[in-house]
Amino acid sequence: MMKEHEAVKIFTTVDNLQAEMILASLKEHNIPAYKKDLGNAGFLNMYTGNSRFGEEIYVADVNVEKARRVLEGIGLLPEEE
């Protein structure tokens, strides 16, 4: 039986561009992640290609420490639990 993992927010970005850069960095380190739009971000991303509402970045609980090290490696301070 597979154990279910909890999604943990590790960072809130300023815009979609920063979110995509973070997701790409995490992917390079084999860390599955996803972003969640804040406010009207999804709508603005669709029509303008970017949004200033920000995005939340989530990873599985088992990858939190590794993901935080990746963020620190690219000069960002991850959120604490």
C-alpha atoms as a PDB file:
ATOM      1  CA  MET A   1       0.000   0.000   0.000  1.00  0.00           C
ATOM      2  CA  MET A   2       1.376   3.416  -0.992  1.00  0.00           C
ATOM      3  CA  LYS A   3       1.698   6.098   1.656  1.00  0.00           C
ATOM      4  CA  GLU A   4      -0.117   9.346   0.923  1.00  0.00           C
ATOM      5  CA  HIS A   5       2.038  12.445   1.081  1.00  0.00           C
ATOM      6  CA  GLU A   6       0.900  15.858   2.200  1.00  0.00           C
ATOM      7  CA  ALA A   7       1.535  18.909  -0.009  1.00  0.00           C
ATOM      8  CA  VAL A   8       3.573  21.592   1.775  1.00  0.00           C
ATOM      9  CA  LYS A   9       3.858  25.225   0.658  1.00  0.00           C
ATOM     10  CA  ILE A  10       7.532  26.140   0.408  1.00  0.00           C
ATOM     11  CA  PHE A  11       7.405  29.541  -1.277  1.00  0.00           C
ATOM     12  CA  THR A  12       5.100  32.334  -2.442  1.00  0.00           C
ATOM     13  CA  THR A  13       6.319  33.995  -5.630  1.00  0.00           C
ATOM     14  CA  VAL A  14       5.813  37.558  -6.796  1.00  0.00           C
ATOM     15  CA  ASP A  15       4.594  36.503 -10.248  1.00  0.00           C
ATOM     16  CA  ASN A  16       4.123  33.642 -12.694  1.00  0.00           C
ATOM     17  CA  LEU A  17       7.596  34.074 -14.220  1.00  0.00           C
ATOM     18  CA  GLN A  18       9.303  33.497 -10.870  1.00  0.00           C
ATOM     19  CA  ALA A  19       7.011  30.507 -10.226  1.00  0.00           C
ATOM     20  CA  GLU A  20       7.966  28.917 -13.549  1.00  0.00           C
ATOM     21  CA  MET A  21      11.679  29.439 -12.837  1.00  0.00           C
ATOM     22  CA  ILE A  22      11.321  27.781  -9.424  1.00  0.00           C
ATOM     23  CA  LEU A  23       9.342  24.856 -10.855  1.00  0.00           C
ATOM     24  CA  ALA A  24      12.043  24.353 -13.512  1.00  0.00           C
ATOM     25  CA  SER A  25      14.791  24.357 -10.857  1.00  0.00           C
ATOM     26  CA  LEU A  26      12.913  21.846  -8.725  1.00  0.00           C
ATOM     27  CA  LYS A  27      12.288  19.644 -11.765  1.00  0.00           C
ATOM     28  CA  GLU A  28      16.049  19.670 -12.558  1.00  0.00           C
ATOM     29  CA  HIS A  29      16.565  18.199  -9.076  1.00  0.00           C
ATOM     30  CA  ASN A  30      13.830  15.567  -9.591  1.00  0.00           C
ATOM     31  CA  ILE A  31      11.473  17.216  -7.102  1.00  0.00           C
ATOM     32  CA  PRO A  32       7.828  17.120  -8.239  1.00  0.00           C
ATOM     33  CA  ALA A  33       6.100  20.419  -7.492  1.00  0.00           C
ATOM     34  CA  TYR A  34       3.093  22.457  -8.502  1.00  0.00           C
ATOM     35  CA  LYS A  35       1.932  26.054  -8.259  1.00  0.00           C
ATOM     36  CA  LYS A  36      -1.357  27.448  -7.013  1.00  0.00           C
ATOM     37  CA  ASP A  37      -2.591  30.789  -8.331  1.00  0.00           C
ATOM     38  CA  LEU A  38      -3.352  33.580  -5.866  1.00  0.00           C
ATOM     39  CA  GLY A  39      -6.209  35.983  -6.483  1.00  0.00           C
ATOM     40  CA  ASN A  40      -6.910  36.406 -10.201  1.00  0.00           C
ATOM     41  CA  ALA A  41      -3.480  35.078 -11.192  1.00  0.00           C
ATOM     42  CA  GLY A  42      -4.812  32.209 -13.306  1.00  0.00           C
ATOM     43  CA  PHE A  43      -7.061  34.530 -15.299  1.00  0.00           C
ATOM     44  CA  LEU A  44      -4.279  37.077 -15.877  1.00  0.00           C
ATOM     45  CA  ASN A  45      -1.714  34.393 -16.734  1.00  0.00           C
ATOM     46  CA  MET A  46      -4.071  33.104 -19.406  1.00  0.00           C
ATOM     47  CA  TYR A  47      -4.716  36.507 -20.993  1.00  0.00           C
ATOM     48  CA  THR A  48      -1.480  38.421 -20.397  1.00  0.00           C
ATOM     49  CA  GLY A  49       1.084  35.647 -19.879  1.00  0.00           C
ATOM     50  CA  ASN A  50       1.948  36.881 -16.397  1.00  0.00           C
ATOM     51  CA  SER A  51       0.350  38.043 -13.183  1.00  0.00           C
ATOM     52  CA  ARG A  52       1.421  40.162 -10.238  1.00  0.00           C
ATOM     53  CA  PHE A  53      -0.893  38.306  -7.848  1.00  0.00           C
ATOM     54  CA  GLY A  54       1.729  35.691  -7.067  1.00  0.00           C
ATOM     55  CA  GLU A  55       1.756  31.922  -6.953  1.00  0.00           C
ATOM     56  CA  GLU A  56       2.270  29.444  -4.131  1.00  0.00           C
ATOM     57  CA  ILE A  57       4.754  26.613  -4.733  1.00  0.00           C
ATOM     58  CA  TYR A  58       4.012  23.202  -3.187  1.00  0.00           C
ATOM     59  CA  VAL A  59       6.047  19.994  -2.861  1.00  0.00           C
ATOM     60  CA  ALA A  60       5.393  16.667  -1.126  1.00  0.00           C
ATOM     61  CA  ASP A  61       6.255  16.600   2.569  1.00  0.00           C
ATOM     62  CA  VAL A  62       9.079  14.109   1.924  1.00  0.00           C
ATOM     63  CA  ASN A  63      10.782  16.604  -0.430  1.00  0.00           C
ATOM     64  CA  VAL A  64      10.539  19.762   1.679  1.00  0.00           C
ATOM     65  CA  GLU A  65      14.133  19.880   2.932  1.00  0.00           C
ATOM     66  CA  LYS A  66      15.627  19.088  -0.478  1.00  0.00           C
ATOM     67  CA  ALA A  67      13.358  21.699  -2.120  1.00  0.00           C
ATOM     68  CA  ARG A  68      14.355  24.344   0.434  1.00  0.00           C
ATOM     69  CA  ARG A  69      18.037  23.685  -0.345  1.00  0.00           C
ATOM     70  CA  VAL A  70      17.296  24.157  -4.065  1.00  0.00           C
ATOM     71  CA  LEU A  71      15.561  27.486  -3.350  1.00  0.00           C
ATOM     72  CA  GLU A  72      18.470  28.640  -1.199  1.00  0.00           C
ATOM     73  CA  GLY A  73      20.837  27.611  -4.002  1.00  0.00           C
ATOM     74  CA  ILE A  74      19.101  29.992  -6.399  1.00  0.00           C
ATOM     75  CA  GLY A  75      19.126  32.830  -3.873  1.00  0.00           C
ATOM     76  CA  LEU A  76      15.618  32.562  -2.443  1.00  0.00           C
ATOM     77  CA  LEU A  77      14.585  32.157   1.177  1.00  0.00           C
ATOM     78  CA  PRO A  78      12.001  29.373   1.520  1.00  0.00           C
ATOM     79  CA  GLU A  79       9.037  29.719   3.846  1.00  0.00           C
ATOM     80  CA  GLU A  80       9.249  27.952   7.185  1.00  0.00           C
ATOM     81  CA  GLU A  81       6.557  25.511   8.295  1.00  0.00           C
END
